Amino acid sequence: MKATDSKFRATSMALGLGLAAMLAFTPLLAQTGGNTGLRGRVIDQSAGAIPGVAVTVTRQDTEQVRTRYDR
């Protein structure tokens, strides 16, 4: 066996393992939720803004409730 074949095999194996590790941990990064949010406007039928409203959002799986009031 040539030395270049052995180096090529070792390099290929290292790259393959690195790629497999990156693919394995990608779903974990999607679970962080650090950049989540909700934005929008509350308007009436004529597209006019409605002052003094409260918007409540409920997360169904945890029943966590958040309410934001018009500023």
Protein backbone atom coordinates (compact mmCIF):
# COMPACT_ATOMS: atom_id res chain seq x y z
CA MET A 1 0.00 0.00 0.00
CA LYS A 2 1.34 3.40 -0.92
CA ALA A 3 1.70 6.19 1.63
CA THR A 4 -0.49 8.49 -0.48
CA ASP A 5 -3.34 5.93 -0.43
CA SER A 6 -3.15 5.75 3.35
CA LYS A 7 -3.18 9.57 3.70
CA PHE A 8 -6.10 9.84 1.27
CA ARG A 9 -8.06 7.22 3.20
CA ALA A 10 -7.37 8.93 6.55
CA THR A 11 -8.32 12.35 5.16
CA SER A 12 -11.50 10.97 3.61
CA MET A 13 -12.47 9.29 6.85
CA ALA A 14 -11.84 12.45 8.89
CA LEU A 15 -13.90 14.58 6.49
CA GLY A 16 -16.70 12.01 6.48
CA LEU A 17 -16.82 11.88 10.28
CA GLY A 18 -16.77 15.68 10.48
CA LEU A 19 -19.66 15.95 8.03
CA ALA A 20 -21.63 13.29 9.90
CA ALA A 21 -21.11 15.15 13.19
CA MET A 22 -22.28 18.45 11.68
CA LEU A 23 -25.40 16.81 10.26
CA ALA A 24 -26.13 15.09 13.56
CA PHE A 25 -26.03 18.33 15.58
CA THR A 26 -27.91 20.58 13.13
CA PRO A 27 -31.38 19.68 14.52
CA LEU A 28 -30.23 20.68 18.00
CA LEU A 29 -29.37 24.17 16.77
CA ALA A 30 -32.88 24.54 15.36
CA GLN A 31 -34.33 24.08 18.86
CA THR A 32 -32.74 27.13 20.46
CA GLY A 33 -35.57 29.58 19.79
CA GLY A 34 -33.37 32.56 20.58
CA ASN A 35 -34.55 34.59 17.61
CA THR A 36 -38.29 34.15 17.82
CA GLY A 37 -40.90 36.85 17.82
CA LEU A 38 -44.19 38.07 16.49
CA ARG A 39 -44.87 41.45 14.94
CA GLY A 40 -47.91 42.97 13.32
CA ARG A 41 -50.65 45.60 13.39
CA VAL A 42 -54.24 45.41 14.54
CA ILE A 43 -56.45 47.17 12.01
CA ASP A 44 -60.16 47.61 11.39
CA GLN A 45 -62.02 46.78 8.17
CA SER A 46 -60.98 50.07 6.57
CA ALA A 47 -57.28 49.35 7.35
CA GLY A 48 -57.18 51.96 10.12
CA ALA A 49 -55.09 51.24 13.20
CA ILE A 50 -57.05 50.42 16.37
CA PRO A 51 -55.56 52.15 19.44
CA GLY A 52 -55.48 50.62 22.92
CA VAL A 53 -55.74 46.96 21.93
CA ALA A 54 -54.29 43.93 23.68
CA VAL A 55 -53.05 40.91 21.75
CA THR A 56 -52.78 37.57 23.53
CA VAL A 57 -50.81 34.66 22.10
CA THR A 58 -51.04 31.16 23.59
CA ARG A 59 -48.51 28.43 22.89
CA GLN A 60 -50.62 25.31 22.53
CA ASP A 61 -48.12 22.66 23.65
CA THR A 62 -47.21 24.41 26.93
CA GLU A 63 -50.26 26.67 27.35
CA GLN A 64 -47.87 29.57 27.96
CA VAL A 65 -49.71 32.87 27.48
CA ARG A 66 -48.22 36.24 26.53
CA THR A 67 -50.17 39.47 26.25
CA ARG A 68 -48.93 42.71 24.76
CA TYR A 69 -50.74 46.02 24.96
CA ASP A 70 -50.78 48.91 22.52
CA ARG A 71 -48.29 51.60 23.48
